[in-house]
N, C-alpha and C. Protein backbone atom coordinates (compact mmCIF):
# COMPACT_ATOMS: atom_id res chain seq x y z
N MET A 1 22.67 66.96 14.76
CA MET A 1 22.33 65.38 16.04
C MET A 1 23.15 65.51 17.41
N THR A 2 22.55 65.91 18.88
CA THR A 2 23.26 66.26 19.96
C THR A 2 24.18 65.12 20.48
N ALA A 3 25.38 65.08 21.06
CA ALA A 3 25.93 64.13 21.17
C ALA A 3 25.53 62.89 21.83
N ALA A 4 24.56 63.39 22.40
CA ALA A 4 23.67 62.25 23.24
C ALA A 4 23.19 60.73 22.50
N GLN A 5 22.45 62.07 21.42
CA GLN A 5 21.98 60.93 20.43
C GLN A 5 23.18 60.18 19.77
N GLU A 6 24.00 60.80 19.68
CA GLU A 6 25.16 60.13 18.71
C GLU A 6 25.44 58.81 19.46
N THR A 7 25.83 58.62 20.53
CA THR A 7 25.89 57.55 21.26
C THR A 7 25.06 56.18 21.32
N HIS A 8 24.15 56.69 20.86
CA HIS A 8 23.08 55.57 20.04
C HIS A 8 22.83 54.89 19.34
N GLU A 9 23.97 55.70 18.19
CA GLU A 9 23.89 55.28 16.99
C GLU A 9 24.87 54.07 17.01
N VAL A 10 24.14 52.88 17.07
CA VAL A 10 24.75 51.26 16.33
C VAL A 10 24.30 50.77 15.36
N PRO A 11 24.54 49.44 15.66
CA PRO A 11 24.45 48.97 14.15
C PRO A 11 23.03 48.16 14.56
N ALA A 12 22.39 47.78 13.38
CA ALA A 12 20.78 47.39 13.90
C ALA A 12 20.62 46.00 14.68
N THR A 13 22.49 45.38 13.97
CA THR A 13 22.29 43.88 14.05
C THR A 13 23.17 44.35 15.34
N ALA A 14 23.16 44.34 16.15
CA ALA A 14 24.10 44.42 17.10
C ALA A 14 23.48 43.86 18.67
N PRO A 15 24.07 42.69 18.93
CA PRO A 15 23.06 41.90 19.61
C PRO A 15 23.05 42.67 21.23
N ASP A 16 22.19 42.23 21.64
CA ASP A 16 21.93 42.80 23.33
C ASP A 16 22.28 41.86 24.12
N ASN A 17 22.89 42.84 25.29
CA ASN A 17 23.52 41.45 26.02
C ASN A 17 22.42 41.30 27.53
N ARG A 18 22.00 41.60 27.38
CA ARG A 18 20.66 41.37 27.99
C ARG A 18 20.37 39.45 28.41
N ALA A 19 20.29 39.55 26.35
CA ALA A 19 19.61 37.79 26.29
C ALA A 19 20.48 36.74 26.67
N TRP A 20 22.06 37.43 27.22
CA TRP A 20 22.69 36.36 27.73
C TRP A 20 22.66 36.15 29.27
N PHE A 21 22.04 36.76 29.83
CA PHE A 21 21.47 36.61 31.61
C PHE A 21 21.20 36.04 31.75
N TRP A 22 19.34 35.44 30.86
CA TRP A 22 18.45 34.34 31.64
C TRP A 22 19.01 33.19 31.34
N PRO A 23 19.83 32.87 30.27
CA PRO A 23 20.42 31.56 29.71
C PRO A 23 21.15 30.85 31.03
N GLY A 24 22.08 32.05 30.91
CA GLY A 24 23.30 31.63 32.14
C GLY A 24 22.82 31.60 33.11
N PHE A 25 21.79 32.33 34.08
CA PHE A 25 21.14 32.29 35.30
C PHE A 25 20.82 30.46 35.39
N PHE A 26 19.85 30.13 34.77
CA PHE A 26 19.10 29.20 34.70
C PHE A 26 19.92 27.85 34.65
N ILE A 27 21.35 28.08 33.53
CA ILE A 27 22.42 27.22 33.59
C ILE A 27 22.74 26.99 34.91
N ALA A 28 23.03 28.52 35.74
CA ALA A 28 23.73 27.47 36.79
C ALA A 28 23.10 27.64 38.32
N TRP A 29 22.27 27.62 38.31
CA TRP A 29 21.02 26.95 39.14
C TRP A 29 20.27 25.27 39.02
N ILE A 30 20.56 25.09 37.34
CA ILE A 30 20.30 23.88 37.29
C ILE A 30 21.41 22.88 37.67
N PHE A 31 22.77 23.41 37.09
CA PHE A 31 23.59 22.89 37.43
C PHE A 31 24.37 22.49 38.85
N PHE A 32 23.95 23.74 39.47
CA PHE A 32 24.12 23.70 41.06
C PHE A 32 23.31 22.51 41.83
N ALA A 33 21.97 22.48 41.18
CA ALA A 33 21.44 21.30 41.76
C ALA A 33 21.40 20.51 41.16
N LEU A 34 22.01 19.82 40.13
CA LEU A 34 22.92 18.44 40.22
C LEU A 34 24.28 18.21 41.02
N ALA A 35 25.05 19.46 41.12
CA ALA A 35 25.84 19.12 42.04
C ALA A 35 25.36 18.73 43.66
N TYR A 36 24.17 19.61 43.99
CA TYR A 36 23.76 19.25 45.05
C TYR A 36 23.44 17.96 45.43
N ALA A 37 22.32 16.99 44.00
CA ALA A 37 22.52 15.93 43.91
C ALA A 37 23.47 14.90 44.07
N ASN A 38 24.33 15.29 43.80
CA ASN A 38 26.19 14.48 43.17
C ASN A 38 26.24 14.18 44.72
N ARG A 39 25.92 15.83 45.37
CA ARG A 39 26.79 15.30 46.98
C ARG A 39 25.74 14.30 47.82
N LEU A 40 24.76 13.90 47.44
CA LEU A 40 23.77 13.12 47.90
C LEU A 40 23.32 12.29 47.87
N ASP A 41 24.53 11.44 46.16
CA ASP A 41 24.74 10.63 45.73
C ASP A 41 23.74 10.32 44.60
N TYR A 42 22.53 11.37 44.34
CA TYR A 42 21.42 10.81 43.59
C TYR A 42 22.21 10.69 42.30
N ILE A 43 23.17 11.39 42.04
CA ILE A 43 23.72 11.66 40.65
C ILE A 43 24.83 10.90 40.32
N PRO A 44 26.05 10.29 39.68
CA PRO A 44 27.16 9.91 39.51
C PRO A 44 27.93 11.05 39.16
N GLY A 45 29.64 10.79 39.54
CA GLY A 45 30.96 11.88 39.06
C GLY A 45 31.13 12.79 40.46
N HIS A 46 31.63 14.00 39.80
CA HIS A 46 32.21 15.06 41.11
C HIS A 46 31.44 15.94 41.71
N PHE A 47 31.68 16.26 41.97
CA PHE A 47 30.65 17.49 42.58
C PHE A 47 31.06 18.35 42.25
N ALA A 48 32.70 18.81 42.14
CA ALA A 48 33.58 20.22 41.16
C ALA A 48 33.20 20.11 39.66
N PHE A 49 33.03 18.56 39.43
CA PHE A 49 32.34 18.78 37.75
C PHE A 49 31.46 18.94 37.79
N TRP A 50 30.28 19.00 38.49
CA TRP A 50 28.98 19.58 38.29
C TRP A 50 28.54 21.17 38.64
N ALA A 51 29.70 21.88 39.56
CA ALA A 51 29.63 23.06 40.34
C ALA A 51 29.98 23.66 39.32
N THR A 52 31.37 23.22 38.25
CA THR A 52 32.04 23.88 37.59
C THR A 52 31.40 24.29 36.30
N ILE A 53 30.57 23.41 36.08
CA ILE A 53 29.80 23.59 34.95
C ILE A 53 28.51 24.38 35.55
N ALA A 54 28.38 24.61 36.66
CA ALA A 54 27.05 26.14 37.04
C ALA A 54 27.94 26.78 37.47
N SER A 55 28.72 26.83 37.41
CA SER A 55 29.73 28.47 37.22
C SER A 55 30.00 28.93 36.19
N THR A 56 30.28 28.00 35.10
CA THR A 56 30.04 28.94 33.54
C THR A 56 28.53 29.69 33.47
N GLY A 57 27.58 29.29 33.73
CA GLY A 57 26.55 29.76 33.97
C GLY A 57 26.87 31.31 34.07
N PHE A 58 27.09 31.66 35.54
CA PHE A 58 27.01 33.01 36.04
C PHE A 58 28.37 33.85 34.64
N LEU A 59 29.17 32.91 34.32
CA LEU A 59 29.79 33.72 33.52
C LEU A 59 29.08 33.97 31.94
N ILE A 60 28.43 32.73 31.47
CA ILE A 60 27.20 33.22 29.95
C ILE A 60 26.46 34.31 30.68
N ALA A 61 25.96 35.04 31.71
CA ALA A 61 24.92 35.74 32.42
C ALA A 61 25.79 37.32 32.73
N ALA A 62 27.15 36.90 32.66
CA ALA A 62 28.17 38.09 32.23
C ALA A 62 28.33 38.73 30.79
N TRP A 63 28.21 37.79 30.34
CA TRP A 63 28.76 37.86 29.34
C TRP A 63 28.43 39.28 28.17
N THR A 64 29.00 40.54 27.35
CA THR A 64 28.61 40.92 27.10
C THR A 64 29.47 40.99 25.71
N PRO A 65 28.64 40.67 24.37
CA PRO A 65 29.26 40.92 23.23
C PRO A 65 29.60 41.86 22.67
N ASN A 66 28.09 42.68 22.85
CA ASN A 66 27.95 44.03 22.25
C ASN A 66 29.08 44.79 22.69
N LYS A 67 30.13 45.27 22.18
CA LYS A 67 31.21 46.33 22.27
C LYS A 67 30.61 47.61 23.03
N GLU A 68 29.70 48.45 22.29
CA GLU A 68 28.92 49.60 22.84
C GLU A 68 28.49 49.31 24.03
N GLN A 69 27.77 48.04 24.52
CA GLN A 69 27.34 48.13 26.64
C GLN A 69 28.77 47.80 27.14
N ARG A 70 30.08 47.44 26.21
CA ARG A 70 31.29 46.85 27.38
C ARG A 70 31.84 47.89 27.95
N ASP A 71 31.79 48.03 29.52
CA ASP A 71 32.75 49.37 29.95
C ASP A 71 33.60 48.27 30.55
N PRO A 72 34.87 49.22 31.04
CA PRO A 72 35.67 48.73 32.12
C PRO A 72 35.00 47.45 33.67
N PHE A 73 34.23 48.52 33.81
CA PHE A 73 33.22 47.65 34.99
C PHE A 73 33.05 46.58 34.32
N SER A 74 32.57 46.24 33.34
CA SER A 74 31.80 44.85 33.07
C SER A 74 33.30 43.97 32.71
N ILE A 75 34.11 44.23 32.18
CA ILE A 75 35.23 43.69 32.14
C ILE A 75 35.93 42.82 33.23
N TRP A 76 35.79 43.96 34.39
CA TRP A 76 36.26 43.54 35.52
C TRP A 76 35.99 42.65 36.33
N ILE A 77 34.66 42.68 36.37
CA ILE A 77 33.40 41.83 36.85
C ILE A 77 33.51 40.44 36.41
N PHE A 78 33.69 40.40 34.88
CA PHE A 78 34.03 39.26 34.27
C PHE A 78 34.92 38.39 34.68
N LEU A 79 36.03 39.51 34.97
CA LEU A 79 37.59 38.69 35.12
C LEU A 79 37.29 38.01 36.70
N GLY A 80 36.61 38.56 37.23
CA GLY A 80 36.80 38.40 38.87
C GLY A 80 35.64 36.57 39.12
N LEU A 81 34.23 37.06 37.79
CA LEU A 81 33.84 35.51 38.25
C LEU A 81 34.28 34.53 37.35
N ILE A 82 35.31 34.83 36.51
CA ILE A 82 36.30 33.75 35.71
C ILE A 82 37.20 33.45 36.77
N CYS A 83 37.67 34.10 37.20
CA CYS A 83 38.47 33.57 38.99
C CYS A 83 37.73 32.94 40.10
N CYS A 84 36.01 32.99 40.39
CA CYS A 84 35.36 32.14 40.67
C CYS A 84 35.57 30.52 40.32
N CYS A 85 35.04 30.65 38.90
CA CYS A 85 35.25 29.68 38.23
C CYS A 85 36.14 28.79 38.48
N ILE A 86 37.30 29.51 38.47
CA ILE A 86 38.83 28.36 38.02
C ILE A 86 38.62 28.18 40.20
N GLY A 87 38.08 28.65 40.69
CA GLY A 87 37.98 28.61 41.78
C GLY A 87 37.18 27.32 42.36
N ASP A 88 35.93 27.14 41.85
CA ASP A 88 35.10 26.09 41.75
C ASP A 88 36.05 25.13 41.38
N LEU A 89 36.54 24.80 40.19
CA LEU A 89 37.29 23.37 39.51
C LEU A 89 38.01 23.33 40.67
N ILE A 90 39.10 24.04 40.97
CA ILE A 90 40.28 23.89 42.41
C ILE A 90 40.24 23.62 43.28
N GLY A 91 39.01 24.36 43.86
CA GLY A 91 38.65 24.45 45.67
C GLY A 91 37.84 22.62 46.20
N PRO A 92 37.67 21.97 45.36
CA PRO A 92 37.54 20.46 46.28
C PRO A 92 37.94 19.75 46.19
N PHE A 93 39.48 20.25 45.35
CA PHE A 93 40.45 19.35 45.49
C PHE A 93 41.65 19.51 46.29
N HIS A 94 42.10 20.89 46.68
CA HIS A 94 43.04 21.26 47.10
C HIS A 94 42.45 23.08 47.27
N PHE A 95 42.14 23.24 49.06
CA PHE A 95 41.36 24.36 49.10
C PHE A 95 41.84 25.50 48.92
N MET A 96 43.04 25.17 49.48
CA MET A 96 43.86 26.74 49.49
C MET A 96 44.59 27.21 47.91
N THR A 97 44.70 26.45 47.33
CA THR A 97 44.57 26.92 46.48
C THR A 97 43.41 27.35 45.27
N GLY A 98 42.58 26.86 45.50
CA GLY A 98 41.29 27.35 45.49
C GLY A 98 40.83 28.81 45.66
N ALA A 99 41.60 29.30 47.28
CA ALA A 99 41.52 30.29 47.46
C ALA A 99 42.43 31.03 47.11
N ASN A 100 43.41 31.13 46.28
CA ASN A 100 44.36 31.81 45.68
C ASN A 100 43.54 32.47 44.85
N ALA A 101 42.38 31.62 43.73
CA ALA A 101 42.03 32.54 43.13
C ALA A 101 40.60 33.06 43.02
N PHE A 102 39.92 32.36 44.34
CA PHE A 102 39.06 33.73 44.75
C PHE A 102 39.94 35.04 45.35
N PHE A 103 41.05 34.62 46.44
CA PHE A 103 41.61 35.91 46.19
C PHE A 103 41.89 37.08 45.26
N PHE A 104 41.69 36.19 43.82
CA PHE A 104 42.06 37.55 42.94
C PHE A 104 40.93 37.82 42.25
N ALA A 105 39.88 37.09 42.44
CA ALA A 105 38.33 37.65 42.27
C ALA A 105 37.76 38.25 43.03
N GLN A 106 38.06 38.16 44.49
CA GLN A 106 38.29 39.74 45.01
C GLN A 106 38.81 41.16 45.11
N THR A 107 40.08 40.54 45.00
CA THR A 107 40.50 42.45 44.28
C THR A 107 40.21 42.52 43.12
N PHE A 108 39.83 41.35 41.77
CA PHE A 108 38.95 42.18 40.26
C PHE A 108 37.72 43.05 41.28
N PHE A 109 36.60 42.13 41.69
CA PHE A 109 35.48 42.87 42.64
C PHE A 109 35.63 44.13 42.94
N SER A 110 36.85 44.85 43.78
CA SER A 110 36.77 46.00 44.11
C SER A 110 37.59 46.61 43.09
N ILE A 111 38.05 46.37 42.12
CA ILE A 111 38.62 47.46 41.16
C ILE A 111 36.88 47.68 40.33
N ALA A 112 36.59 46.75 40.05
CA ALA A 112 35.63 46.70 39.09
C ALA A 112 34.19 48.08 40.28
N ALA A 113 34.21 48.10 41.56
CA ALA A 113 33.41 49.04 42.00
C ALA A 113 33.71 50.55 42.36
N TRP A 114 35.91 50.24 41.93
CA TRP A 114 36.41 51.31 42.39
C TRP A 114 35.69 52.37 41.10
N LYS A 115 35.93 51.18 39.58
CA LYS A 115 35.81 51.93 38.52
C LYS A 115 34.50 53.11 38.25
N LYS A 116 32.93 52.04 38.97
CA LYS A 116 32.38 52.84 38.98
C LYS A 116 32.50 53.53 40.05
N GLY A 117 33.28 53.94 40.81
CA GLY A 117 32.98 55.64 41.96
C GLY A 117 32.39 55.32 43.24
N ILE A 118 33.35 55.67 44.29
CA ILE A 118 33.30 55.18 45.09
C ILE A 118 32.46 56.45 46.13
N ASN A 119 31.52 55.94 46.84
CA ASN A 119 30.37 57.44 47.03
C ASN A 119 31.40 57.07 49.20
N TRP A 120 31.81 57.58 50.02
CA TRP A 120 33.22 57.79 50.79
C TRP A 120 31.40 57.84 51.69
N ARG A 121 30.45 58.05 51.73
CA ARG A 121 29.52 58.06 52.72
C ARG A 121 28.87 57.03 53.05
N TRP A 122 28.82 55.99 51.80
CA TRP A 122 28.11 54.58 52.09
C TRP A 122 29.64 53.83 52.49
N ALA A 123 30.50 54.02 51.95
CA ALA A 123 31.56 53.34 52.36
C ALA A 123 32.51 53.34 53.40
N THR A 124 32.44 54.48 54.24
CA THR A 124 33.58 54.68 55.20
C THR A 124 32.51 53.95 56.33
N PRO A 125 31.10 53.93 56.40
CA PRO A 125 30.35 53.12 58.06
C PRO A 125 30.80 51.74 57.89
N MET A 126 31.03 51.29 55.88
CA MET A 126 31.28 50.10 56.51
C MET A 126 32.94 49.17 57.15
N ILE A 127 33.29 50.00 56.82
CA ILE A 127 35.10 49.67 57.92
C ILE A 127 34.95 49.34 58.93
N PRO A 128 34.38 50.10 60.29
CA PRO A 128 34.36 49.51 61.59
C PRO A 128 33.51 48.35 61.13
N VAL A 129 32.18 48.08 60.38
CA VAL A 129 31.45 46.62 60.50
C VAL A 129 32.33 46.22 60.02
N MET A 130 33.27 45.99 59.09
CA MET A 130 34.03 44.49 58.50
C MET A 130 35.08 44.06 59.37
N ILE A 131 35.30 45.43 60.06
CA ILE A 131 36.94 44.89 61.02
C ILE A 131 36.26 44.31 61.99
N ALA A 132 35.05 44.72 62.60
CA ALA A 132 34.71 43.62 63.96
C ALA A 132 34.09 42.51 63.75
N SER A 133 33.16 42.28 62.27
CA SER A 133 32.64 41.61 61.59
C SER A 133 33.96 40.23 61.38
N ASN A 134 35.03 40.51 60.98
CA ASN A 134 36.06 39.71 60.94
C ASN A 134 37.31 39.45 62.09
N ALA A 135 36.88 40.26 62.62
CA ALA A 135 37.93 40.14 64.12
C ALA A 135 37.08 39.13 64.83
N ALA A 136 35.58 38.81 65.08
CA ALA A 136 34.70 38.24 65.76
C ALA A 136 34.97 36.80 64.73
N LEU A 137 35.30 37.06 63.65
CA LEU A 137 35.15 35.49 62.56
C LEU A 137 36.36 34.70 62.69
N LEU A 138 37.39 35.39 62.57
CA LEU A 138 39.21 35.31 62.86
C LEU A 138 39.45 34.40 64.21
N TRP A 139 38.81 35.31 65.45
CA TRP A 139 38.98 34.99 67.04
C TRP A 139 38.30 33.10 66.92
N TYR A 140 37.36 32.91 66.15
CA TYR A 140 36.20 32.00 66.19
C TYR A 140 37.65 30.77 65.48
N THR A 141 38.22 31.00 64.41
CA THR A 141 38.29 30.07 63.41
C THR A 141 39.86 29.68 63.34
N LEU A 142 40.36 31.04 63.73
CA LEU A 142 41.88 30.69 64.04
C LEU A 142 42.52 29.34 64.79
N PRO A 143 41.74 28.79 65.69
CA PRO A 143 41.76 27.58 66.47
C PRO A 143 42.10 26.74 65.98
N GLY A 144 41.11 26.37 64.66
CA GLY A 144 40.88 25.87 63.83
C GLY A 144 42.06 25.78 62.76
N THR A 145 42.21 26.39 62.20
CA THR A 145 43.69 26.67 60.86
C THR A 145 44.55 26.23 61.14
N PRO A 146 45.18 25.64 60.12
CA PRO A 146 46.27 25.09 60.05
C PRO A 146 47.43 26.12 59.98
N ASP A 147 48.75 26.33 61.21
CA ASP A 147 49.67 27.02 61.14
C ASP A 147 49.83 27.67 59.63
N GLU A 148 50.07 26.75 58.14
CA GLU A 148 50.49 27.23 57.35
C GLU A 148 49.56 27.86 55.99
N GLU A 149 47.85 27.80 57.16
CA GLU A 149 47.48 28.79 56.18
C GLU A 149 46.48 30.18 56.97
N VAL A 150 47.21 30.28 58.15
CA VAL A 150 46.79 31.10 59.05
C VAL A 150 47.00 32.56 58.40
N ILE A 151 48.20 32.71 57.69
CA ILE A 151 47.79 34.66 57.14
C ILE A 151 47.91 34.55 55.41
N LYS A 152 47.36 32.99 55.14
CA LYS A 152 46.65 33.11 53.54
C LYS A 152 45.42 33.46 54.37
N VAL A 153 44.96 33.09 55.39
CA VAL A 153 43.77 33.00 55.65
C VAL A 153 43.02 34.38 56.23
N ILE A 154 44.01 35.05 57.26
CA ILE A 154 44.11 36.40 57.37
C ILE A 154 44.03 37.59 56.30
N ALA A 155 44.87 37.09 55.19
CA ALA A 155 45.01 38.55 54.20
C ALA A 155 44.19 37.74 53.19
N TYR A 156 43.30 36.98 53.18
CA TYR A 156 41.89 36.66 52.26
C TYR A 156 40.56 37.41 52.87
N SER A 157 40.62 37.38 54.31
CA SER A 157 39.70 38.57 55.04
C SER A 157 39.62 40.30 55.01
N VAL A 158 41.21 40.50 54.89
CA VAL A 158 41.51 42.01 54.27
C VAL A 158 40.82 41.92 53.00
N ILE A 159 41.08 41.66 51.82
CA ILE A 159 40.92 41.93 50.66
C ILE A 159 39.36 41.63 50.57
N ILE A 160 38.51 40.92 50.98
CA ILE A 160 37.23 40.32 50.54
C ILE A 160 36.59 41.63 51.57
N SER A 161 36.95 42.18 52.48
CA SER A 161 36.59 43.15 53.22
C SER A 161 36.39 44.42 52.41
N ILE A 162 37.73 44.36 51.33
CA ILE A 162 37.95 45.59 50.97
C ILE A 162 36.72 45.46 49.73
N MET A 163 36.78 44.43 49.24
CA MET A 163 35.25 44.28 48.19
C MET A 163 34.12 44.71 48.65
N VAL A 164 33.90 44.43 49.97
CA VAL A 164 32.47 44.59 50.59
C VAL A 164 32.14 46.16 49.90
N ILE A 165 33.36 46.35 51.42
CA ILE A 165 33.71 47.83 51.47
C ILE A 165 33.40 48.91 50.19
N THR A 166 33.83 48.43 49.10
CA THR A 166 34.37 48.83 47.94
C THR A 166 32.85 49.41 46.78
N ALA A 167 32.27 47.35 46.89
CA ALA A 167 30.62 47.52 46.55
C ALA A 167 29.77 48.23 47.09
N VAL A 168 30.14 48.04 48.73
CA VAL A 168 28.92 48.93 49.09
C VAL A 168 28.69 50.70 48.79
N GLY A 169 30.19 51.48 48.77
CA GLY A 169 30.77 52.33 48.88
C GLY A 169 30.34 53.10 47.05
N ALA A 170 30.23 51.86 46.08
CA ALA A 170 29.49 52.06 44.65
C ALA A 170 28.13 51.72 44.62
N CYS A 171 27.40 51.52 45.74
CA CYS A 171 26.26 51.18 45.25
C CYS A 171 24.93 52.95 45.11
N SER A 172 25.90 53.67 44.90
CA SER A 172 25.25 54.90 44.58
C SER A 172 24.97 54.44 42.76
N ASN A 173 25.92 54.57 42.28
CA ASN A 173 26.00 54.11 41.01
C ASN A 173 25.81 52.83 40.46
N ASN A 174 25.70 51.71 40.93
CA ASN A 174 25.03 50.23 40.82
C ASN A 174 24.55 49.77 42.22
N VAL A 175 23.17 49.52 42.22
CA VAL A 175 22.71 49.07 43.63
C VAL A 175 22.67 47.74 43.89
N PRO A 176 22.31 47.13 42.73
CA PRO A 176 23.19 45.88 43.24
C PRO A 176 24.36 44.96 43.36
N LEU A 177 25.06 45.70 42.99
CA LEU A 177 27.03 45.91 43.29
C LEU A 177 26.68 45.57 44.93
N ALA A 178 26.28 46.07 45.84
CA ALA A 178 26.29 46.16 47.37
C ALA A 178 25.76 44.88 47.53
N TRP A 179 24.74 44.36 47.05
CA TRP A 179 23.87 43.17 47.42
C TRP A 179 25.07 42.46 46.76
N ALA A 180 25.60 41.91 45.72
CA ALA A 180 26.35 41.15 45.22
C ALA A 180 27.40 40.36 46.53
N GLY A 181 28.10 41.96 47.00
CA GLY A 181 29.03 42.00 47.77
C GLY A 181 28.82 41.69 49.59
N ILE A 182 27.57 42.11 49.98
CA ILE A 182 27.51 41.42 50.45
C ILE A 182 27.35 39.86 51.10
N LEU A 183 26.66 39.29 49.92
CA LEU A 183 26.10 37.92 49.61
C LEU A 183 27.41 37.14 49.68
N PHE A 184 28.69 37.47 49.24
CA PHE A 184 29.49 36.84 48.87
C PHE A 184 30.12 36.95 50.28
N TYR A 185 30.17 37.84 50.86
CA TYR A 185 30.49 37.31 51.94
C TYR A 185 30.29 36.77 53.02
N VAL A 186 29.38 36.91 53.37
CA VAL A 186 28.02 35.79 54.07
C VAL A 186 28.33 34.42 53.54
N SER A 187 27.99 33.85 52.43
CA SER A 187 28.88 33.02 52.01
C SER A 187 30.02 32.52 52.27
N ASP A 188 31.27 33.72 52.28
CA ASP A 188 32.49 32.98 52.65
C ASP A 188 32.28 32.24 53.97
N VAL A 189 32.03 33.59 54.75
CA VAL A 189 32.08 33.21 56.32
C VAL A 189 30.81 31.99 56.45
N PHE A 190 30.23 31.38 56.00
CA PHE A 190 29.86 29.85 56.18
C PHE A 190 30.77 28.95 55.80
N VAL A 191 31.79 29.55 54.54
CA VAL A 191 32.90 28.13 53.66
C VAL A 191 33.69 28.80 55.30
N ALA A 192 34.24 29.26 55.77
CA ALA A 192 35.35 29.61 56.71
C ALA A 192 34.88 28.20 57.98
N LEU A 193 33.14 28.80 58.28
CA LEU A 193 32.79 27.77 59.42
C LEU A 193 33.06 26.34 59.35
N TRP A 194 32.67 26.02 57.98
CA TRP A 194 32.71 25.12 57.83
C TRP A 194 34.42 24.04 57.41
N ARG A 195 35.00 25.13 56.80
CA ARG A 195 36.46 25.04 56.95
C ARG A 195 37.08 24.62 58.02
N PHE A 196 37.00 25.67 58.80
CA PHE A 196 37.90 26.05 60.35
C PHE A 196 37.36 25.48 61.36
N GLY A 197 35.50 25.86 61.29
CA GLY A 197 34.75 26.21 62.50
C GLY A 197 34.19 25.02 62.67
N ASP A 198 34.25 24.02 62.15
CA ASP A 198 33.56 22.43 62.32
C ASP A 198 31.93 22.55 62.49
N SER A 199 31.60 23.03 61.47
CA SER A 199 30.13 22.95 61.13
C SER A 199 30.03 22.56 59.81
N PRO A 200 29.61 21.25 59.53
CA PRO A 200 29.58 20.61 58.39
C PRO A 200 28.02 21.28 58.17
N ALA A 201 27.40 21.29 58.56
CA ALA A 201 26.02 22.35 57.78
C ALA A 201 26.38 23.54 56.72
N SER A 202 27.42 24.65 57.36
CA SER A 202 27.69 25.35 56.62
C SER A 202 28.24 25.29 55.14
N GLY A 203 28.86 23.70 55.19
CA GLY A 203 29.11 23.31 53.65
C GLY A 203 27.47 23.43 52.74
N TRP A 204 26.95 22.83 53.37
CA TRP A 204 25.22 22.86 52.49
C TRP A 204 25.12 24.46 52.26
N ILE A 205 25.11 25.69 53.35
CA ILE A 205 24.45 26.47 53.37
C ILE A 205 25.13 27.84 52.32
N CYS A 206 26.29 27.72 52.11
CA CYS A 206 27.38 28.44 51.12
C CYS A 206 26.86 28.35 49.53
N TYR A 207 26.93 27.48 49.38
CA TYR A 207 27.14 27.38 48.11
C TYR A 207 25.58 28.39 47.69
N PRO A 208 24.59 27.87 47.64
CA PRO A 208 23.16 28.72 46.99
C PRO A 208 23.25 30.50 47.67
N ILE A 209 23.98 30.64 48.49
CA ILE A 209 24.21 31.47 48.39
C ILE A 209 25.47 32.67 47.79
N TYR A 210 26.38 32.21 47.26
CA TYR A 210 27.36 32.32 46.83
C TYR A 210 26.94 32.45 45.16
N TYR A 211 26.11 31.06 45.31
CA TYR A 211 26.22 31.07 43.43
C TYR A 211 25.05 32.55 43.55
N SER A 212 23.88 32.83 44.55
CA SER A 212 23.43 34.06 44.38
C SER A 212 24.59 35.74 44.29
N ALA A 213 25.85 35.55 44.74
CA ALA A 213 25.98 36.23 44.61
C ALA A 213 26.57 36.73 43.37
N CYS A 214 27.36 35.37 42.92
CA CYS A 214 27.92 35.83 41.68
C CYS A 214 27.02 36.10 40.78
N LEU A 215 25.47 35.26 40.71
CA LEU A 215 24.78 36.02 39.68
C LEU A 215 24.13 37.11 39.75
N LEU A 216 24.60 37.95 41.04
CA LEU A 216 24.25 38.75 41.36
C LEU A 216 25.53 40.29 40.28
N PHE A 217 26.81 39.84 40.85
CA PHE A 217 27.34 40.06 40.28
C PHE A 217 27.58 39.92 38.55
N ALA A 218 26.83 39.18 38.03
CA ALA A 218 26.66 39.02 36.53
C ALA A 218 25.48 40.55 36.35
N TYR A 219 24.49 40.28 36.66
CA TYR A 219 23.70 41.46 36.52
C TYR A 219 23.62 42.36 37.26
N CYS A 220 25.16 42.81 37.93
CA CYS A 220 25.17 44.00 37.54
C CYS A 220 25.99 44.94 36.65
N VAL A 221 26.34 44.34 35.98
CA VAL A 221 26.73 44.77 34.12
C VAL A 221 25.89 45.27 33.33
N HIS A 222 24.42 44.61 33.46
CA HIS A 222 23.61 45.00 32.96
C HIS A 222 22.10 46.10 33.54
N VAL A 223 22.65 46.83 33.91
CA VAL A 223 21.55 47.67 35.09
C VAL A 223 22.53 48.76 35.52
N ASP A 224 21.75 49.98 35.23
CA ASP A 224 21.97 51.25 35.66
C ASP A 224 22.17 51.28 37.01
N ARG A 225 22.52 52.50 37.65
CA ARG A 225 22.70 53.15 39.45
C ARG A 225 21.27 52.69 40.13
N ALA A 226 20.10 52.62 39.28
CA ALA A 226 19.22 52.51 39.91
C ALA A 226 18.68 50.71 40.41
N GLY A 227 19.48 50.34 39.50
CA GLY A 227 19.37 48.68 39.44
C GLY A 227 18.33 48.26 38.40
N ARG A 228 17.58 49.17 37.77
CA ARG A 228 16.96 49.45 36.38
C ARG A 228 18.08 48.18 35.24
N VAL A 229 16.99 47.54 34.55
CA VAL A 229 17.95 47.52 33.03
C VAL A 229 18.22 48.32 32.23
N LYS A 230 19.15 48.15 31.76
CA LYS A 230 20.06 49.25 31.09
C LYS A 230 18.94 49.49 30.11
N ASP A 231 19.12 50.46 28.92
CA ASP A 231 18.44 50.61 27.58
C ASP A 231 19.45 49.92 26.18
N THR A 232 19.05 49.64 25.80
CA THR A 232 20.03 48.49 24.78
C THR A 232 21.18 49.15 24.86
N TYR A 233 20.91 49.90 24.15
CA TYR A 233 22.36 50.72 23.60
C TYR A 233 23.17 51.96 24.30
N SER A 234 22.30 51.75 26.19
CA SER A 234 23.05 52.95 26.60
C SER A 234 24.43 53.08 27.38
């Protein structure tokens, strides 16, 4: 028996991790819709309650109970999504404390991308793109940022830039990872415009993009480098 064949020898009863993605996907979007219904005063409760339940959806979607399919990449992605869930719970009550959780999320996503392997032919062109994008965003939003939050905002812009650069750099090993990173950045651009740029409409736009990004991160743990669903025990 070859070594390649031996890697597929797992118990017949071992669970297939893909079975967790779709329940998590629907939980995330159903409770996201309820969170927006709450913002429109159609249902009672607090937005953070509904949003946090929605966030458990992408945790379920990324869950990998089958150890044969679990690797460092999927573990770091899952840790990042846990931080996102914490940020969703805390953020509506204290924005900057929630931002701290998202700072760690970007760090963990960057480590996950690094574990996949960075192709600098893809990553390098993103460096000037992210510098220019962040410079424009900071130029627009820093005048509306409280003085005590400026350093944290700049630090966050650095770590999310690193996350996008590494995610795009790892796209040759996992295509959806690049799109997840880019979408997360776009959602945070709208968050910045909402929080610091006097753009209330951005507060409605950021969330669907954010949940799409988190679900894409969850999907990444179940696909191969071309974006195809992995073989059950590969």
